[in-house]
Amino acid sequence: MRQLEGPLSPTERIYTLDVVRGFALLGILIMNMPGFANSFFVEADGSHLWSAPVDRAAEVVRDMLFSGKFNSMFSLLFGIGFTIQFARMQELSPGHATQLYLRRLLVLLAIGLVHAIVFWTGDVLHVYAALGLLLLLVLRHASDRMIIGLIILLLMYPALSGVTRLLVMTPEVTARLVAEAQAFEASNNLAYGQGSFLDAGREHMREFVYNYDNVWALWANLGFYVQMATTMLIGVLIGRHHLERRIPELMPWVRKLQWWLLGIGIICALTFGIIFQVERVPGPSPLKVLGSITYVLSRVSLMLFYVLTIVRLAQLPIWQAWFAPMAAAGKMPLTNYLMQTMICTTLFYGWGFGWWGKVGPAAQLALAFGIFFLVQVPLSMLWLKRFRWGPLEYAWRVATYGKLPSKQVAAPVG
């Protein structure tokens, strides 16, 4: 039996998946910017924070084209990676594969919880880890038919949840939730905008506990888990049938599906974009139920359109050269994701540069591109010239396997 050193060696990596992962990191940074720069609760009363036309336009573009698409892209990649990595573990060490992958997920869960509780409440790593545990311990042996059935049920969740909200949410409940959100907005502004690092950490812990200790917040969180699970299961199906390695033979199918997904995605994005611009008063409504349904359909279809577009372009030599920097960033996803928190909290929080509440959506969009292409991409390329894995990816491997993997120094090129 060959020695098991890690999920995939650098020579076994799938270039296209690294490119897609790089784009996912950029999209996640764009969508996380509002949460770094302002309170998550800032529009609890249905009002607009930013009145300048350029900022309003940036909000609409960001929400329609980016919102939910790129963390869903990451969850898709997580599902694909789960099947690839676990299959390899079973091949090289059948008796220990489940134990090793369980340890891998528990390490990720620990990293995510520390990130969420101490550094930034918007962490998604603990969500991926929790869903990964469900995949490993419950759904690993589920048939394709069962997986497809689950995906369909999960896509129906916004309609079921929305109708239930119409039935059970009273004006009194809505008023209480708005008041709680406004109180959090005020405390966020003090802790993150003016407080010390310890003040910010205490506020992150308060937010995290609030998100999981009451029915209404749990209900909102369940919707997010459902959306991540939907695309993760699609990724599982892709990985099971090795579609990521069969791209050339699937290209005619990819081209057709790509444009159908774009059409569905744009129609749904326009629909929910208009609905949520018009329906800004807090509380459920029939129109908001339609908005939630079209949002989720747009989220999945546009995400898959983006992925298929990247996949098609990545097969062309000229685009492979252009995509090389994105692939470098995509080879260090954990490092770059957590680096985004380090950079942005330093810029926005009171203990850093203090830009909290001072940067509008248009400037946030420009700043996200600047951080990614001027800082993260060059650092990733520079690091990978000397090392095989990113620093946190390497540490994750060591924690998973309980020993140092083969040399971290990169192999010479040429």
Protein backbone atom coordinates (compact mmCIF):
# COMPACT_ATOMS: atom_id res chain seq x y z
CA MET A 1 0.00 0.00 0.00
CA ARG A 2 1.32 3.46 -0.95
CA GLN A 3 1.96 5.94 1.82
CA LEU A 4 -0.89 8.36 2.27
CA GLU A 5 0.49 11.90 2.51
CA GLY A 6 -2.43 14.11 1.58
CA PRO A 7 -5.53 14.54 -0.52
CA LEU A 8 -3.79 15.57 -3.73
CA SER A 9 -0.19 16.23 -4.61
CA PRO A 10 0.62 19.31 -6.69
CA THR A 11 1.12 17.19 -9.81
CA GLU A 12 -2.33 15.62 -9.37
CA ARG A 13 -4.20 18.90 -9.03
CA ILE A 14 -6.84 19.73 -11.60
CA TYR A 15 -5.89 23.09 -13.12
CA THR A 16 -9.43 24.09 -14.06
CA LEU A 17 -10.69 23.58 -10.50
CA ASP A 18 -7.92 25.84 -9.20
CA VAL A 19 -8.95 28.53 -11.68
CA VAL A 20 -12.60 28.27 -10.63
CA ARG A 21 -11.50 28.39 -6.99
CA GLY A 22 -9.56 31.58 -7.67
CA PHE A 23 -12.63 33.25 -9.17
CA ALA A 24 -14.68 32.06 -6.19
CA LEU A 25 -12.23 33.78 -3.83
CA LEU A 26 -12.60 37.06 -5.73
CA GLY A 27 -16.40 36.84 -5.73
CA ILE A 28 -16.51 36.01 -2.02
CA LEU A 29 -14.36 39.04 -1.23
CA ILE A 30 -16.68 41.28 -3.27
CA MET A 31 -19.74 39.99 -1.44
CA ASN A 32 -18.09 40.06 2.01
CA MET A 33 -17.02 43.69 1.65
CA PRO A 34 -20.33 45.14 2.98
CA GLY A 35 -20.03 42.92 6.07
CA PHE A 36 -16.46 44.07 6.69
CA ALA A 37 -17.29 47.75 6.15
CA ASN A 38 -20.67 48.01 7.91
CA SER A 39 -22.96 46.15 10.28
CA PHE A 40 -24.76 43.09 8.90
CA PHE A 41 -27.90 44.60 10.46
CA VAL A 42 -27.57 47.99 8.76
CA GLU A 43 -30.76 47.74 6.67
CA ALA A 44 -32.94 46.15 9.33
CA ASP A 45 -35.53 48.92 9.03
CA GLY A 46 -35.69 48.66 5.24
CA SER A 47 -33.89 51.94 4.56
CA HIS A 48 -30.93 52.58 2.27
CA LEU A 49 -27.58 53.40 3.86
CA TRP A 50 -26.14 54.87 0.66
CA SER A 51 -27.97 57.49 -1.41
CA ALA A 52 -25.43 58.36 -4.15
CA PRO A 53 -26.53 56.99 -7.56
CA VAL A 54 -23.17 55.29 -8.15
CA ASP A 55 -23.45 53.48 -4.81
CA ARG A 56 -27.05 52.47 -5.43
CA ALA A 57 -26.06 51.13 -8.86
CA ALA A 58 -23.10 49.24 -7.35
CA GLU A 59 -25.43 47.66 -4.78
CA VAL A 60 -27.83 46.45 -7.47
CA VAL A 61 -25.05 45.05 -9.68
CA ARG A 62 -23.37 43.39 -6.71
CA ASP A 63 -26.58 41.79 -5.44
CA MET A 64 -27.79 40.60 -8.85
CA LEU A 65 -24.51 39.30 -10.28
CA PHE A 66 -22.46 38.34 -7.22
CA SER A 67 -24.71 37.74 -4.23
CA GLY A 68 -24.64 34.07 -3.23
CA LYS A 69 -23.02 32.94 -6.48
CA PHE A 70 -19.47 32.63 -5.24
CA ASN A 71 -19.91 31.04 -1.82
CA SER A 72 -22.16 28.61 -3.72
CA MET A 73 -19.29 28.12 -6.17
CA PHE A 74 -17.04 27.29 -3.25
CA SER A 75 -19.56 24.82 -1.86
CA LEU A 76 -19.78 23.20 -5.33
CA LEU A 77 -15.99 22.85 -5.31
CA PHE A 78 -16.18 21.48 -1.76
CA GLY A 79 -18.55 18.75 -2.95
CA ILE A 80 -16.30 17.88 -5.89
CA GLY A 81 -13.24 17.92 -3.64
CA PHE A 82 -14.96 15.67 -1.10
CA THR A 83 -15.48 12.90 -3.66
CA ILE A 84 -11.96 13.22 -5.12
CA GLN A 85 -10.14 13.38 -1.79
CA PHE A 86 -12.15 10.69 -0.03
CA ALA A 87 -11.86 8.31 -3.00
CA ARG A 88 -8.11 8.76 -2.96
CA MET A 89 -7.96 8.15 0.78
CA GLN A 90 -9.97 4.96 0.34
CA GLU A 91 -7.62 3.80 -2.41
CA LEU A 92 -4.43 4.42 -0.44
CA SER A 93 -5.63 3.56 3.08
CA PRO A 94 -9.05 1.84 3.03
CA GLY A 95 -9.13 1.16 6.75
CA HIS A 96 -8.42 4.74 7.79
CA ALA A 97 -10.09 6.87 5.11
CA THR A 98 -13.18 7.79 7.14
CA GLN A 99 -11.13 8.57 10.24
CA LEU A 100 -8.71 10.77 8.28
CA TYR A 101 -11.40 12.69 6.47
CA LEU A 102 -13.32 13.14 9.70
CA ARG A 103 -10.21 14.64 11.26
CA ARG A 104 -9.79 16.89 8.22
CA LEU A 105 -13.33 18.21 8.64
CA LEU A 106 -12.99 18.66 12.41
CA VAL A 107 -9.84 20.73 11.88
CA LEU A 108 -11.70 22.88 9.35
CA LEU A 109 -14.61 23.23 11.78
CA ALA A 110 -12.24 24.39 14.53
CA ILE A 111 -10.63 26.94 12.21
CA GLY A 112 -14.04 28.20 11.13
CA LEU A 113 -15.35 28.54 14.68
CA VAL A 114 -12.28 30.47 15.81
CA HIS A 115 -12.57 32.68 12.73
CA ALA A 116 -16.29 33.33 13.36
CA ILE A 117 -16.12 33.87 17.11
CA VAL A 118 -12.90 35.88 17.34
CA PHE A 119 -12.22 37.57 14.00
CA TRP A 120 -15.34 37.91 11.81
CA THR A 121 -18.90 36.67 12.22
CA GLY A 122 -19.43 36.17 8.48
CA ASP A 123 -17.27 33.01 8.41
CA VAL A 124 -18.45 30.25 6.05
CA LEU A 125 -15.84 27.60 6.87
CA HIS A 126 -17.77 26.18 9.83
CA VAL A 127 -20.83 25.84 7.56
CA TYR A 128 -18.85 23.87 4.96
CA ALA A 129 -17.36 21.70 7.69
CA ALA A 130 -20.76 20.94 9.25
CA LEU A 131 -22.23 20.02 5.86
CA GLY A 132 -19.11 17.99 5.09
CA LEU A 133 -19.70 15.97 8.26
CA LEU A 134 -23.23 15.29 7.06
CA LEU A 135 -21.85 14.12 3.71
CA LEU A 136 -19.26 11.88 5.31
CA LEU A 137 -21.37 10.30 8.04
CA VAL A 138 -24.85 10.19 6.48
CA LEU A 139 -24.94 10.77 2.72
CA ARG A 140 -21.69 9.18 1.54
CA HIS A 141 -23.45 6.05 0.33
CA ALA A 142 -26.62 7.74 -0.92
CA SER A 143 -27.57 6.83 -4.48
CA ASP A 144 -27.54 9.38 -7.30
CA ARG A 145 -31.33 9.23 -7.34
CA MET A 146 -31.48 10.12 -3.66
CA ILE A 147 -28.98 12.96 -4.11
CA ILE A 148 -31.01 14.39 -7.01
CA GLY A 149 -34.19 14.10 -4.95
CA LEU A 150 -32.55 15.98 -2.09
CA ILE A 151 -31.39 18.74 -4.45
CA ILE A 152 -34.96 19.17 -5.73
CA LEU A 153 -36.32 19.31 -2.17
CA LEU A 154 -33.68 21.85 -1.16
CA LEU A 155 -34.56 24.04 -4.15
CA MET A 156 -38.17 24.01 -2.94
CA TYR A 157 -37.18 25.23 0.53
CA PRO A 158 -37.54 29.01 -0.15
CA ALA A 159 -41.17 28.53 -1.20
CA LEU A 160 -41.99 26.36 1.83
CA SER A 161 -40.14 28.66 4.22
CA GLY A 162 -41.67 31.80 2.72
CA VAL A 163 -45.23 30.50 2.96
CA THR A 164 -44.61 29.41 6.55
CA ARG A 165 -43.33 32.90 7.41
CA LEU A 166 -46.52 34.40 6.01
CA LEU A 167 -48.50 32.17 8.36
CA VAL A 168 -46.52 32.55 11.59
CA MET A 169 -44.76 35.94 11.54
CA THR A 170 -46.92 38.60 13.14
CA PRO A 171 -46.28 42.37 13.05
CA GLU A 172 -45.22 42.12 16.68
CA VAL A 173 -42.55 39.53 15.86
CA THR A 174 -41.32 41.65 12.93
CA ALA A 175 -41.10 44.75 15.16
CA ARG A 176 -39.14 42.82 17.80
CA LEU A 177 -36.68 41.46 15.24
CA VAL A 178 -36.18 44.94 13.75
CA ALA A 179 -35.52 46.34 17.24
CA GLU A 180 -32.98 43.58 17.97
CA ALA A 181 -31.24 44.22 14.66
CA GLN A 182 -31.08 47.96 15.27
CA ALA A 183 -29.59 47.32 18.71
CA PHE A 184 -26.94 45.10 17.12
CA GLU A 185 -26.25 47.77 14.51
CA ALA A 186 -25.58 50.29 17.27
CA SER A 187 -23.32 47.92 19.24
CA ASN A 188 -21.52 46.90 16.02
CA ASN A 189 -20.79 50.54 15.26
CA LEU A 190 -19.28 51.00 18.72
CA ALA A 191 -17.29 47.74 18.84
CA TYR A 192 -16.10 47.58 15.25
CA GLY A 193 -16.02 51.26 14.40
CA GLN A 194 -14.46 52.60 17.57
CA GLY A 195 -13.44 49.69 19.78
CA SER A 196 -10.25 47.75 20.41
CA PHE A 197 -9.42 44.32 19.05
CA LEU A 198 -10.83 42.78 22.24
CA ASP A 199 -14.02 44.83 21.91
CA ALA A 200 -14.47 43.54 18.37
CA GLY A 201 -13.84 39.96 19.51
CA ARG A 202 -16.48 40.21 22.23
CA GLU A 203 -18.98 41.60 19.71
CA HIS A 204 -18.24 38.78 17.27
CA MET A 205 -18.97 36.27 20.02
CA ARG A 206 -22.27 38.02 20.85
CA GLU A 207 -23.31 37.93 17.18
CA PHE A 208 -22.33 34.29 16.78
CA VAL A 209 -24.32 33.24 19.85
CA TYR A 210 -27.32 35.28 18.69
CA ASN A 211 -27.23 33.59 15.27
CA TYR A 212 -27.58 30.14 16.83
CA ASP A 213 -29.52 30.59 20.07
CA ASN A 214 -32.99 31.73 18.99
CA VAL A 215 -35.62 30.35 16.64
CA TRP A 216 -35.79 33.26 14.21
CA ALA A 217 -32.03 33.55 13.70
CA LEU A 218 -31.75 29.78 13.39
CA TRP A 219 -34.47 29.87 10.76
CA ALA A 220 -32.50 32.43 8.75
CA ASN A 221 -29.31 30.38 9.17
CA LEU A 222 -31.11 27.24 8.03
CA GLY A 223 -31.88 28.94 4.73
CA PHE A 224 -28.17 29.61 4.21
CA TYR A 225 -27.24 26.03 5.10
CA VAL A 226 -29.86 24.78 2.63
CA GLN A 227 -28.42 26.91 -0.17
CA MET A 228 -24.87 25.73 0.53
CA ALA A 229 -26.03 22.11 0.74
CA THR A 230 -27.78 22.37 -2.64
CA THR A 231 -24.65 23.27 -4.56
CA MET A 232 -22.47 20.98 -2.46
CA LEU A 233 -24.63 18.02 -3.51
CA ILE A 234 -24.37 19.09 -7.16
CA GLY A 235 -20.62 19.02 -6.65
CA VAL A 236 -20.84 15.50 -5.21
CA LEU A 237 -22.61 14.31 -8.38
CA ILE A 238 -19.98 15.99 -10.57
CA GLY A 239 -17.16 14.38 -8.59
CA ARG A 240 -18.79 10.93 -8.50
CA HIS A 241 -18.96 10.79 -12.28
CA HIS A 242 -15.54 12.45 -12.78
CA LEU A 243 -17.07 15.17 -14.95
CA GLU A 244 -14.24 17.53 -13.98
CA ARG A 245 -11.82 15.20 -15.83
CA ARG A 246 -14.10 14.70 -18.86
CA ILE A 247 -14.41 18.31 -19.96
CA PRO A 248 -13.28 17.89 -23.62
CA GLU A 249 -15.80 15.14 -24.37
CA LEU A 250 -18.58 17.05 -22.60
CA MET A 251 -17.93 20.36 -24.36
CA PRO A 252 -20.99 20.27 -26.71
CA TRP A 253 -23.22 19.65 -23.70
CA VAL A 254 -21.40 22.37 -21.74
CA ARG A 255 -22.02 24.97 -24.47
CA LYS A 256 -25.75 24.28 -24.63
CA LEU A 257 -26.25 24.19 -20.88
CA GLN A 258 -24.21 27.35 -20.40
CA TRP A 259 -26.63 29.59 -22.31
CA TRP A 260 -29.75 28.04 -20.81
CA LEU A 261 -28.35 28.74 -17.36
CA LEU A 262 -27.53 32.33 -18.31
CA GLY A 263 -31.07 32.95 -19.55
CA ILE A 264 -32.67 31.50 -16.42
CA GLY A 265 -30.20 33.30 -14.18
CA ILE A 266 -30.69 36.75 -15.72
CA ILE A 267 -34.49 36.51 -15.73
CA CYS A 268 -34.52 35.42 -12.08
CA ALA A 269 -31.91 38.02 -11.09
CA LEU A 270 -33.95 40.83 -12.65
CA THR A 271 -37.07 39.53 -10.92
CA PHE A 272 -35.66 39.36 -7.40
CA GLY A 273 -33.66 42.56 -7.95
CA ILE A 274 -36.84 44.50 -8.73
CA ILE A 275 -38.85 42.81 -5.97
CA PHE A 276 -36.37 43.56 -3.21
CA GLN A 277 -35.93 47.16 -4.37
CA VAL A 278 -39.68 47.67 -4.20
CA GLU A 279 -40.43 45.54 -1.10
CA ARG A 280 -38.11 47.08 1.47
CA VAL A 281 -40.52 47.19 4.42
CA PRO A 282 -39.50 44.57 7.03
CA GLY A 283 -41.69 41.49 7.36
CA PRO A 284 -42.93 38.73 5.05
CA SER A 285 -45.10 39.28 1.97
CA PRO A 286 -46.25 37.13 -0.97
CA LEU A 287 -44.05 39.16 -3.30
CA LYS A 288 -41.02 38.47 -1.08
CA VAL A 289 -41.74 34.75 -1.31
CA LEU A 290 -41.46 35.04 -5.10
CA GLY A 291 -38.30 37.11 -4.62
CA SER A 292 -36.74 34.41 -2.44
CA ILE A 293 -37.57 31.69 -4.96
CA THR A 294 -36.11 33.63 -7.89
CA TYR A 295 -33.06 34.59 -5.80
CA VAL A 296 -32.19 30.95 -5.14
CA LEU A 297 -32.80 29.93 -8.76
CA SER A 298 -30.64 32.82 -9.93
CA ARG A 299 -27.99 31.93 -7.38
CA VAL A 300 -27.65 28.35 -8.64
CA SER A 301 -28.07 29.02 -12.38
CA LEU A 302 -25.73 32.02 -12.61
CA MET A 303 -23.14 30.26 -10.45
CA LEU A 304 -23.20 27.26 -12.80
CA PHE A 305 -23.06 29.61 -15.81
CA TYR A 306 -19.95 31.26 -14.38
CA VAL A 307 -18.35 27.87 -13.72
CA LEU A 308 -19.08 26.56 -17.23
CA THR A 309 -17.80 29.77 -18.81
CA ILE A 310 -14.54 29.52 -16.86
CA VAL A 311 -14.29 25.83 -17.77
CA ARG A 312 -14.74 26.55 -21.49
CA LEU A 313 -12.18 29.35 -21.53
CA ALA A 314 -9.69 27.38 -19.44
CA GLN A 315 -9.42 24.80 -22.25
CA LEU A 316 -7.90 27.41 -24.61
CA PRO A 317 -4.12 27.96 -24.42
CA ILE A 318 -4.34 31.75 -24.55
CA TRP A 319 -6.80 31.79 -21.65
CA GLN A 320 -4.72 29.31 -19.67
CA ALA A 321 -1.96 31.92 -19.60
CA TRP A 322 -4.40 34.64 -18.51
CA PHE A 323 -5.90 32.37 -15.85
CA ALA A 324 -2.57 31.31 -14.34
CA PRO A 325 -2.69 34.04 -11.63
CA MET A 326 -6.23 32.99 -10.70
CA ALA A 327 -5.09 29.37 -10.45
CA ALA A 328 -2.27 30.43 -8.12
CA ALA A 329 -4.74 32.13 -5.78
CA GLY A 330 -7.02 29.09 -6.06
CA LYS A 331 -4.27 26.76 -4.89
CA MET A 332 -4.23 28.60 -1.55
CA PRO A 333 -7.96 28.97 -0.77
CA LEU A 334 -7.82 28.70 3.01
CA THR A 335 -4.86 31.07 3.29
CA ASN A 336 -6.40 33.63 0.95
CA TYR A 337 -9.87 33.44 2.49
CA LEU A 338 -8.54 34.12 5.99
CA MET A 339 -6.11 36.73 4.63
CA GLN A 340 -9.11 38.66 3.33
CA THR A 341 -10.42 38.92 6.88
CA MET A 342 -7.02 40.05 8.16
CA ILE A 343 -6.70 42.76 5.51
CA CYS A 344 -10.29 44.02 5.62
CA THR A 345 -10.72 44.14 9.39
CA THR A 346 -7.43 46.04 9.59
CA LEU A 347 -8.73 48.55 7.05
CA PHE A 348 -12.24 48.99 8.42
CA TYR A 349 -12.17 48.35 12.17
CA GLY A 350 -11.46 51.02 14.75
CA TRP A 351 -8.32 49.26 16.00
CA GLY A 352 -6.93 49.52 12.43
CA PHE A 353 -7.39 52.29 9.89
CA GLY A 354 -10.94 53.04 11.03
CA TRP A 355 -12.75 53.11 7.68
CA TRP A 356 -15.88 51.59 9.26
CA GLY A 357 -19.03 53.11 7.75
CA LYS A 358 -17.05 55.46 5.52
CA VAL A 359 -16.68 53.41 2.31
CA GLY A 360 -19.67 53.04 -0.01
CA PRO A 361 -20.55 50.09 -2.27
CA ALA A 362 -18.81 51.49 -5.38
CA ALA A 363 -15.55 52.04 -3.51
CA GLN A 364 -15.93 48.66 -1.79
CA LEU A 365 -16.16 47.01 -5.20
CA ALA A 366 -13.00 48.76 -6.40
CA LEU A 367 -11.23 47.96 -3.15
CA ALA A 368 -12.10 44.25 -3.45
CA PHE A 369 -10.53 44.07 -6.92
CA GLY A 370 -7.49 45.96 -5.65
CA ILE A 371 -6.93 43.69 -2.65
CA PHE A 372 -7.33 40.56 -4.74
CA PHE A 373 -5.27 41.46 -7.81
CA LEU A 374 -2.68 43.75 -6.23
CA VAL A 375 -2.10 41.85 -2.98
CA GLN A 376 -3.43 38.30 -2.93
CA VAL A 377 -2.64 37.17 -6.45
CA PRO A 378 0.98 38.45 -6.42
CA LEU A 379 1.59 36.98 -2.95
CA SER A 380 0.14 33.63 -4.03
CA MET A 381 2.34 33.49 -7.13
CA LEU A 382 5.42 34.48 -5.15
CA TRP A 383 4.73 31.93 -2.41
CA LEU A 384 4.11 29.06 -4.83
CA LYS A 385 7.38 29.68 -6.59
CA ARG A 386 9.08 28.47 -3.41
CA PHE A 387 6.52 26.21 -1.75
CA ARG A 388 4.12 23.48 -2.81
CA TRP A 389 1.22 24.54 -0.58
CA GLY A 390 -0.02 27.71 1.03
CA PRO A 391 1.00 28.13 4.70
CA LEU A 392 -2.44 27.34 6.14
CA GLU A 393 -3.04 24.52 3.64
CA TYR A 394 0.23 22.99 4.83
CA ALA A 395 -0.77 23.38 8.48
CA TRP A 396 -4.16 21.81 7.71
CA ARG A 397 -2.44 18.78 6.20
CA VAL A 398 -0.15 18.41 9.19
CA ALA A 399 -3.12 18.60 11.59
CA THR A 400 -5.07 16.08 9.49
CA TYR A 401 -2.36 13.46 9.06
CA GLY A 402 -0.47 14.02 12.29
CA LYS A 403 2.87 14.28 10.52
CA LEU A 404 4.72 16.47 8.08
CA PRO A 405 3.89 15.70 4.44
CA SER A 406 6.61 15.45 1.80
CA LYS A 407 8.83 18.47 1.41
CA GLN A 408 7.06 21.84 1.37
CA VAL A 409 9.72 23.28 -0.95
CA ALA A 410 8.42 23.57 -4.52
CA ALA A 411 9.89 21.37 -7.20
CA PRO A 412 12.05 23.25 -9.73
CA VAL A 413 10.35 24.23 -13.00
CA GLY A 414 11.78 23.02 -16.27
